[in-house]
Amino acid sequence: MATGAKIIAESLKQQGVDYMFGIVGFPVGSIAEEAQKAGIRYVGMRNEQAASYAAQAAGYLTGRPQACLVVSGPGVIHALSGLANAKSNCWP
């Protein structure tokens, strides 16, 4: 049976995602595990802001969107700067 985490991971892989940067927390740990099973390289980071900047830099270097995995609440707020930077530079 496919779980939500498995569907997310397989969808990301089908879209060409090779890297996932983030911090594993209770609600998203299964997504990181399934991503690794799908062949996506998970890179653990020290904070969400660093993860979002790493994901946008990898997107710029590869020409394809990469993934940033953070927990809800403060994790999302800390990740916004990297997402905004990628959007303003028109990077994948």
C-alpha atoms as a PDB file:
ATOM      1  CA  MET A   1       0.000   0.000   0.000  1.00  0.00           C
ATOM      2  CA  ALA A   2       1.325   3.422  -0.946  1.00  0.00           C
ATOM      3  CA  THR A   3       1.620   5.950   1.846  1.00  0.00           C
ATOM      4  CA  GLY A   4       1.417   9.718   1.439  1.00  0.00           C
ATOM      5  CA  ALA A   5       5.163   9.959   2.009  1.00  0.00           C
ATOM      6  CA  LYS A   6       5.846   7.419  -0.730  1.00  0.00           C
ATOM      7  CA  ILE A   7       3.580   9.223  -3.190  1.00  0.00           C
ATOM      8  CA  ILE A   8       5.335  12.535  -2.454  1.00  0.00           C
ATOM      9  CA  ALA A   9       8.800  10.991  -2.866  1.00  0.00           C
ATOM     10  CA  GLU A  10       7.943   9.215  -6.109  1.00  0.00           C
ATOM     11  CA  SER A  11       6.318  12.364  -7.503  1.00  0.00           C
ATOM     12  CA  LEU A  12       9.420  14.408  -6.710  1.00  0.00           C
ATOM     13  CA  LYS A  13      11.643  11.812  -8.396  1.00  0.00           C
ATOM     14  CA  GLN A  14       9.423  11.798 -11.494  1.00  0.00           C
ATOM     15  CA  GLN A  15       9.817  15.589 -11.667  1.00  0.00           C
ATOM     16  CA  GLY A  16      13.607  15.250 -11.801  1.00  0.00           C
ATOM     17  CA  VAL A  17      14.451  15.994  -8.173  1.00  0.00           C
ATOM     18  CA  ASP A  18      17.816  14.476  -7.254  1.00  0.00           C
ATOM     19  CA  TYR A  19      18.466  16.216  -3.923  1.00  0.00           C
ATOM     20  CA  MET A  20      16.399  16.972  -0.847  1.00  0.00           C
ATOM     21  CA  PHE A  21      17.806  19.348   1.765  1.00  0.00           C
ATOM     22  CA  GLY A  22      16.255  19.758   5.172  1.00  0.00           C
ATOM     23  CA  ILE A  23      15.833  18.970   8.805  1.00  0.00           C
ATOM     24  CA  VAL A  24      13.986  15.809   9.735  1.00  0.00           C
ATOM     25  CA  GLY A  25      11.309  16.381  12.328  1.00  0.00           C
ATOM     26  CA  PHE A  26       8.506  14.181  13.593  1.00  0.00           C
ATOM     27  CA  PRO A  27       5.935  14.995  10.898  1.00  0.00           C
ATOM     28  CA  VAL A  28       8.292  14.758   7.888  1.00  0.00           C
ATOM     29  CA  GLY A  29      10.716  11.960   8.753  1.00  0.00           C
ATOM     30  CA  SER A  30       8.839   9.410   6.657  1.00  0.00           C
ATOM     31  CA  ILE A  31       9.085  11.672   3.598  1.00  0.00           C
ATOM     32  CA  ALA A  32      12.882  11.782   3.918  1.00  0.00           C
ATOM     33  CA  GLU A  33      13.009   7.988   4.278  1.00  0.00           C
ATOM     34  CA  GLU A  34      10.826   7.391   1.226  1.00  0.00           C
ATOM     35  CA  ALA A  35      12.790   9.960  -0.782  1.00  0.00           C
ATOM     36  CA  GLN A  36      15.982   8.024  -0.135  1.00  0.00           C
ATOM     37  CA  LYS A  37      14.282   4.786  -1.186  1.00  0.00           C
ATOM     38  CA  ALA A  38      13.192   6.526  -4.409  1.00  0.00           C
ATOM     39  CA  GLY A  39      16.792   7.489  -5.182  1.00  0.00           C
ATOM     40  CA  ILE A  40      16.736  11.083  -3.966  1.00  0.00           C
ATOM     41  CA  ARG A  41      19.822  12.030  -1.981  1.00  0.00           C
ATOM     42  CA  TYR A  42      18.812  13.509   1.378  1.00  0.00           C
ATOM     43  CA  VAL A  43      21.203  16.105   2.796  1.00  0.00           C
ATOM     44  CA  GLY A  44      20.641  16.988   6.455  1.00  0.00           C
ATOM     45  CA  MET A  45      21.148  20.644   7.324  1.00  0.00           C
ATOM     46  CA  ARG A  46      21.525  22.575  10.581  1.00  0.00           C
ATOM     47  CA  ASN A  47      18.612  24.951  10.004  1.00  0.00           C
ATOM     48  CA  GLU A  48      15.762  25.536   7.587  1.00  0.00           C
ATOM     49  CA  GLN A  49      17.225  28.701   6.103  1.00  0.00           C
ATOM     50  CA  ALA A  50      20.411  26.862   5.111  1.00  0.00           C
ATOM     51  CA  ALA A  51      18.303  24.048   3.651  1.00  0.00           C
ATOM     52  CA  SER A  52      16.304  26.426   1.476  1.00  0.00           C
ATOM     53  CA  TYR A  53      19.435  28.198   0.215  1.00  0.00           C
ATOM     54  CA  ALA A  54      21.070  24.835  -0.551  1.00  0.00           C
ATOM     55  CA  ALA A  55      17.989  23.646  -2.450  1.00  0.00           C
ATOM     56  CA  GLN A  56      17.829  26.813  -4.531  1.00  0.00           C
ATOM     57  CA  ALA A  57      21.572  26.684  -5.264  1.00  0.00           C
ATOM     58  CA  ALA A  58      21.265  23.045  -6.357  1.00  0.00           C
ATOM     59  CA  GLY A  59      18.341  24.020  -8.569  1.00  0.00           C
ATOM     60  CA  TYR A  60      20.413  26.760 -10.155  1.00  0.00           C
ATOM     61  CA  LEU A  61      23.383  24.443 -10.734  1.00  0.00           C
ATOM     62  CA  THR A  62      21.377  21.512 -12.123  1.00  0.00           C
ATOM     63  CA  GLY A  63      18.739  23.505 -13.996  1.00  0.00           C
ATOM     64  CA  ARG A  64      16.004  21.462 -12.303  1.00  0.00           C
ATOM     65  CA  PRO A  65      14.015  22.096  -9.136  1.00  0.00           C
ATOM     66  CA  GLN A  66      15.363  20.406  -6.007  1.00  0.00           C
ATOM     67  CA  ALA A  67      13.507  19.854  -2.727  1.00  0.00           C
ATOM     68  CA  CYS A  68      13.560  21.507   0.671  1.00  0.00           C
ATOM     69  CA  LEU A  69      11.998  19.548   3.534  1.00  0.00           C
ATOM     70  CA  VAL A  70      11.047  21.442   6.689  1.00  0.00           C
ATOM     71  CA  VAL A  71       8.541  21.104   9.500  1.00  0.00           C
ATOM     72  CA  SER A  72       5.512  23.351   9.811  1.00  0.00           C
ATOM     73  CA  GLY A  73       5.394  26.616  11.739  1.00  0.00           C
ATOM     74  CA  PRO A  74       8.788  28.190  12.400  1.00  0.00           C
ATOM     75  CA  GLY A  75      10.459  25.789   9.969  1.00  0.00           C
ATOM     76  CA  VAL A  76       8.459  27.207   7.081  1.00  0.00           C
ATOM     77  CA  ILE A  77       9.138  30.794   8.156  1.00  0.00           C
ATOM     78  CA  HIS A  78      12.886  30.139   8.247  1.00  0.00           C
ATOM     79  CA  ALA A  79      12.782  28.543   4.782  1.00  0.00           C
ATOM     80  CA  LEU A  80      11.009  31.464   3.107  1.00  0.00           C
ATOM     81  CA  SER A  81      14.155  33.505   2.455  1.00  0.00           C
ATOM     82  CA  GLY A  82      15.675  30.836   0.215  1.00  0.00           C
ATOM     83  CA  LEU A  83      12.396  30.332  -1.619  1.00  0.00           C
ATOM     84  CA  ALA A  84      12.012  34.082  -2.154  1.00  0.00           C
ATOM     85  CA  ASN A  85      15.588  34.330  -3.415  1.00  0.00           C
ATOM     86  CA  ALA A  86      15.027  31.530  -5.932  1.00  0.00           C
ATOM     87  CA  LYS A  87      11.788  33.126  -7.124  1.00  0.00           C
ATOM     88  CA  SER A  88      13.289  36.601  -7.518  1.00  0.00           C
ATOM     89  CA  ASN A  89      16.201  35.155  -9.534  1.00  0.00           C
ATOM     90  CA  CYS A  90      13.874  32.921 -11.622  1.00  0.00           C
ATOM     91  CA  TRP A  91      15.776  29.797 -10.552  1.00  0.00           C
ATOM     92  CA  PRO A  92      14.055  26.409 -10.612  1.00  0.00           C
END
